[in-house]
């Protein structure tokens, strides 16, 4: 079973509009896209109903799947007003994802705030995820927690957040971080902590020391049916780079 390849617009496609994203990904053999917020594609909550309808139709009429929208909403702040702002912002983003035909949205932990215990922050993040996951279920949208942030990307902490959340509509976005790798050079122990919840995978530079062959093997072992999304730097020759990247991606699965 071959894994499916797509891109995150961060940063290789940050300057492409929707039509360019669809055209280039389709021509270059990429099957899906995650639209990171703030980029030129302009898929943001300020879009009108008609603009949202048009974007949905563009993806319905092409082979490229709108895997998700990539937000920067986070739930670690000890300031109640800031936390509530992020939760309510997430809900508006959920509505946007529904309207444009996306499958899910990405959210993230970003740090452990100073002066607050890790346990308290983990619980707050987990409960916030549960609220957002419940809201998103009514719209048919998945919540995906990116393995992200200073300290918070430690996978045992992500597992604890997911355990507190305890919601069937909240998943994990594996992020291919160096901290996934243990002292033996393997990611298996950390992968096993989250494998029941992995719904999307971000992959970075395939030439790096990260054990991508092992990751792809582990994904195939669990029958992973989601996307591996290339999150790579921009290039003066994006078409050429993406052709090489796709070739290497499939070679690493053999």
Protein backbone atom coordinates (compact mmCIF):
# COMPACT_ATOMS: atom_id res chain seq x y z
CA UNK A 1 0.00 0.00 0.00
CA UNK A 2 1.49 3.31 -1.08
CA UNK A 3 1.03 6.31 1.17
CA UNK A 4 -0.63 9.40 -0.28
CA UNK A 5 1.38 12.58 -0.74
CA UNK A 6 0.25 16.19 -0.47
CA UNK A 7 1.62 19.55 0.61
CA UNK A 8 1.19 22.11 3.34
CA UNK A 9 1.27 25.59 1.84
CA UNK A 10 3.81 26.47 4.57
CA UNK A 11 6.13 27.50 2.94
CA UNK A 12 6.58 25.98 -0.51
CA UNK A 13 3.22 27.33 -1.73
CA UNK A 14 2.67 30.33 0.53
CA UNK A 15 2.52 32.70 -2.48
CA UNK A 16 0.18 30.58 -4.62
CA UNK A 17 -3.50 31.35 -5.04
CA UNK A 18 -6.09 28.56 -5.06
CA UNK A 19 -6.04 28.09 -8.83
CA UNK A 20 -2.24 27.82 -8.84
CA UNK A 21 -2.27 25.33 -5.95
CA UNK A 22 -4.79 23.13 -7.74
CA UNK A 23 -2.99 23.36 -11.09
CA UNK A 24 0.53 22.71 -9.81
CA UNK A 25 -0.35 19.94 -7.35
CA UNK A 26 -2.40 18.13 -9.95
CA UNK A 27 0.33 18.41 -12.59
CA UNK A 28 3.11 17.36 -10.21
CA UNK A 29 1.36 14.29 -8.81
CA UNK A 30 0.35 15.58 -5.38
CA UNK A 31 -3.05 14.41 -4.18
CA UNK A 32 -3.90 16.71 -1.27
CA UNK A 33 -3.27 20.07 0.36
CA UNK A 34 -3.48 21.67 3.79
CA UNK A 35 -4.02 25.42 3.49
CA UNK A 36 -2.02 27.16 6.21
CA UNK A 37 -3.61 30.37 7.48
CA UNK A 38 -2.23 33.82 6.42
CA UNK A 39 -1.06 32.63 2.98
CA UNK A 40 -2.00 34.00 -0.43
CA UNK A 41 -4.73 31.40 -0.98
CA UNK A 42 -6.90 33.67 1.20
CA UNK A 43 -9.07 30.93 2.69
CA UNK A 44 -9.87 32.79 5.90
CA UNK A 45 -12.90 33.40 8.10
CA UNK A 46 -13.64 36.77 6.48
CA UNK A 47 -14.79 35.10 3.26
CA UNK A 48 -18.42 35.59 2.28
CA UNK A 49 -20.81 32.67 1.82
CA UNK A 50 -20.51 32.99 -1.94
CA UNK A 51 -16.69 33.04 -1.84
CA UNK A 52 -16.74 29.94 0.35
CA UNK A 53 -19.10 28.20 -2.07
CA UNK A 54 -16.81 29.00 -5.01
CA UNK A 55 -13.74 27.56 -3.26
CA UNK A 56 -15.64 24.41 -2.35
CA UNK A 57 -16.68 23.95 -5.97
CA UNK A 58 -13.11 24.44 -7.23
CA UNK A 59 -11.98 21.48 -5.13
CA UNK A 60 -15.03 19.41 -6.01
CA UNK A 61 -14.23 19.89 -9.68
CA UNK A 62 -10.57 18.84 -9.47
CA UNK A 63 -8.61 15.74 -8.37
CA UNK A 64 -6.89 17.57 -5.49
CA UNK A 65 -8.33 16.87 -2.03
CA UNK A 66 -8.66 19.70 0.48
CA UNK A 67 -7.24 17.70 3.38
CA UNK A 68 -7.57 20.51 5.87
CA UNK A 69 -7.03 24.07 7.01
CA UNK A 70 -4.00 24.86 9.14
CA UNK A 71 -4.72 27.26 11.97
CA UNK A 72 -2.51 28.66 14.74
CA UNK A 73 -5.12 28.37 17.47
CA UNK A 74 -3.66 27.19 20.77
CA UNK A 75 -5.00 26.58 24.26
CA UNK A 76 -2.14 26.91 26.73
CA UNK A 77 -2.56 30.52 27.86
CA UNK A 78 -3.30 30.94 31.59
CA UNK A 79 -5.20 34.15 30.73
CA UNK A 80 -8.88 33.18 30.54
CA UNK A 81 -9.76 35.82 27.96
CA UNK A 82 -6.95 34.67 25.67
CA UNK A 83 -7.94 31.04 26.02
CA UNK A 84 -11.59 31.81 25.23
CA UNK A 85 -10.53 33.90 22.22
CA UNK A 86 -8.65 30.90 20.81
CA UNK A 87 -11.52 28.50 21.43
CA UNK A 88 -14.10 30.79 19.82
CA UNK A 89 -11.71 31.46 16.94
CA UNK A 90 -11.40 27.72 16.44
CA UNK A 91 -15.18 27.43 16.18
CA UNK A 92 -15.30 30.07 13.44
CA UNK A 93 -12.53 28.23 11.61
CA UNK A 94 -14.53 25.00 11.90
CA UNK A 95 -17.44 26.70 10.15
CA UNK A 96 -15.06 27.90 7.43
CA UNK A 97 -13.68 24.38 6.94
CA UNK A 98 -17.20 23.03 6.59
CA UNK A 99 -18.19 25.71 4.07
CA UNK A 100 -15.17 25.20 1.81
CA UNK A 101 -15.31 21.40 1.95
CA UNK A 102 -12.20 20.72 4.04
CA UNK A 103 -11.95 17.45 5.95
CA UNK A 104 -10.51 18.93 9.15
CA UNK A 105 -8.56 21.70 10.83
CA UNK A 106 -5.17 21.73 12.51
CA UNK A 107 -4.67 23.28 15.94
CA UNK A 108 -1.62 23.14 18.19
CA UNK A 109 -0.09 23.36 21.60
CA UNK A 110 2.72 25.88 21.52
CA UNK A 111 4.40 26.09 24.93
CA UNK A 112 4.16 25.49 28.65
CA UNK A 113 3.63 28.93 30.23
CA UNK A 114 5.93 29.91 33.06
CA UNK A 115 4.53 29.72 36.57
CA UNK A 116 1.91 27.09 35.70
CA UNK A 117 2.35 23.37 36.28
CA UNK A 118 2.60 21.17 33.20
CA UNK A 119 -0.24 19.03 34.55
CA UNK A 120 -2.58 22.01 34.75
CA UNK A 121 -1.69 23.17 31.24
CA UNK A 122 -2.11 19.68 29.81
CA UNK A 123 -5.54 19.41 31.41
CA UNK A 124 -6.57 22.84 30.08
CA UNK A 125 -5.46 21.95 26.56
CA UNK A 126 -7.24 18.60 26.71
CA UNK A 127 -10.52 20.10 27.92
CA UNK A 128 -10.32 22.85 25.29
CA UNK A 129 -9.79 20.24 22.60
CA UNK A 130 -12.83 18.34 23.84
CA UNK A 131 -15.02 21.44 23.58
CA UNK A 132 -13.76 22.15 20.07
CA UNK A 133 -14.06 18.51 19.03
CA UNK A 134 -17.67 18.38 20.17
CA UNK A 135 -18.49 21.57 18.28
CA UNK A 136 -16.70 20.33 15.16
CA UNK A 137 -18.56 17.02 15.14
CA UNK A 138 -21.82 18.81 14.36
CA UNK A 139 -20.15 20.26 11.23
CA UNK A 140 -18.52 17.01 10.10
CA UNK A 141 -15.04 18.45 10.69
CA UNK A 142 -12.10 16.72 12.38
CA UNK A 143 -9.88 18.46 14.93
CA UNK A 144 -6.20 17.56 14.51
CA UNK A 145 -3.73 18.39 17.26
CA UNK A 146 -0.29 19.03 15.78
CA UNK A 147 2.66 17.63 17.75
CA UNK A 148 4.13 21.09 18.20
CA UNK A 149 5.66 23.62 20.55
CA UNK A 150 8.49 24.16 22.97
CA UNK A 151 8.19 21.32 25.45
CA UNK A 152 4.64 20.51 24.38
CA UNK A 153 5.90 18.54 21.36
CA UNK A 154 7.15 15.85 23.76
CA UNK A 155 4.97 12.97 22.66
CA UNK A 156 4.11 11.61 26.12
CA UNK A 157 2.62 15.06 26.86
CA UNK A 158 0.60 14.95 23.63
CA UNK A 159 -0.70 11.53 24.69
CA UNK A 160 -1.80 12.98 28.03
CA UNK A 161 -3.59 15.85 26.27
CA UNK A 162 -5.44 13.34 24.12
CA UNK A 163 -6.34 11.24 27.16
CA UNK A 164 -7.78 14.27 28.94
CA UNK A 165 -9.63 15.25 25.78
CA UNK A 166 -11.06 11.74 25.33
CA UNK A 167 -13.11 12.63 22.27
CA UNK A 168 -13.55 10.52 19.15
CA UNK A 169 -13.52 13.58 16.88
CA UNK A 170 -10.08 14.83 18.00
CA UNK A 171 -7.02 13.37 16.30
CA UNK A 172 -3.27 13.93 16.04
CA UNK A 173 -1.16 15.46 13.30
CA UNK A 174 2.22 13.72 13.48
CA UNK A 175 4.82 16.41 12.84
CA UNK A 176 8.12 14.56 12.21
CA UNK A 177 10.02 16.41 14.97
CA UNK A 178 13.60 15.51 15.94
CA UNK A 179 12.31 14.97 19.50
CA UNK A 180 10.30 11.96 18.24
CA UNK A 181 13.55 10.01 17.95
CA UNK A 182 14.78 8.10 21.01
CA UNK A 183 18.34 7.28 22.03
CA UNK A 184 18.41 4.24 19.73
CA UNK A 185 17.53 6.33 16.68
CA UNK A 186 14.00 4.94 16.49
CA UNK A 187 10.57 6.60 16.65
CA UNK A 188 8.63 3.39 17.37
CA UNK A 189 8.04 3.92 21.12
CA UNK A 190 6.70 7.41 20.56
CA UNK A 191 4.78 6.39 17.46
CA UNK A 192 3.06 3.62 19.40
CA UNK A 193 1.82 6.17 21.96
CA UNK A 194 -0.18 7.99 19.28
CA UNK A 195 -0.78 5.47 16.49
CA UNK A 196 -4.45 5.05 17.35
CA UNK A 197 -5.03 8.77 16.80
CA UNK A 198 -2.82 9.76 13.85
CA UNK A 199 -4.97 11.32 11.13
CA UNK A 200 -2.50 13.47 9.20
CA UNK A 201 1.29 13.48 8.95
CA UNK A 202 3.59 16.41 8.27
CA UNK A 203 6.89 15.47 6.67
CA UNK A 204 9.83 17.82 6.19
CA UNK A 205 13.19 17.46 4.43
CA UNK A 206 13.41 13.82 3.34
CA UNK A 207 17.21 14.00 3.10
CA UNK A 208 17.51 14.71 6.84
CA UNK A 209 18.51 12.29 9.60
CA UNK A 210 14.87 11.78 10.60
CA UNK A 211 14.02 8.05 10.16
CA UNK A 212 11.47 8.46 7.39
CA UNK A 213 11.84 4.87 6.18
CA UNK A 214 10.77 3.71 9.64
CA UNK A 215 7.92 6.23 9.80
CA UNK A 216 6.53 5.14 6.44
CA UNK A 217 6.84 1.48 7.42
CA UNK A 218 5.02 2.09 10.71
CA UNK A 219 2.26 3.98 8.92
CA UNK A 220 1.76 1.12 6.49
CA UNK A 221 1.69 -1.36 9.37
CA UNK A 222 -1.28 0.40 10.96
CA UNK A 223 -3.07 0.66 7.63
CA UNK A 224 -2.80 4.44 7.59
CA UNK A 225 -5.13 5.93 5.00
CA UNK A 226 -4.47 9.64 5.58
CA UNK A 227 -2.02 11.97 3.86
CA UNK A 228 1.67 12.68 4.28
CA UNK A 229 1.93 16.43 3.71
CA UNK A 230 5.20 18.02 2.67
CA UNK A 231 5.96 21.01 4.91
CA UNK A 232 9.10 22.34 3.29
CA UNK A 233 10.78 25.71 2.59
CA UNK A 234 10.00 27.74 -0.50
CA UNK A 235 12.24 27.41 -3.52
CA UNK A 236 13.10 29.51 -6.59
CA UNK A 237 12.34 26.32 -8.56
CA UNK A 238 9.29 24.89 -6.78
CA UNK A 239 8.16 22.62 -9.63
CA UNK A 240 11.58 21.03 -9.93
CA UNK A 241 11.92 20.59 -6.16
CA UNK A 242 8.46 19.04 -5.82
CA UNK A 243 9.19 16.55 -8.60
CA UNK A 244 12.34 15.41 -6.80
CA UNK A 245 10.53 15.34 -3.47
CA UNK A 246 7.76 13.12 -4.81
CA UNK A 247 10.26 10.70 -6.34
CA UNK A 248 12.22 10.42 -3.09
CA UNK A 249 9.01 10.01 -1.08
CA UNK A 250 8.04 6.90 -3.04
CA UNK A 251 11.62 5.53 -3.13
CA UNK A 252 11.77 5.66 0.69
CA UNK A 253 8.74 3.37 0.88
CA UNK A 254 10.44 0.49 -0.96
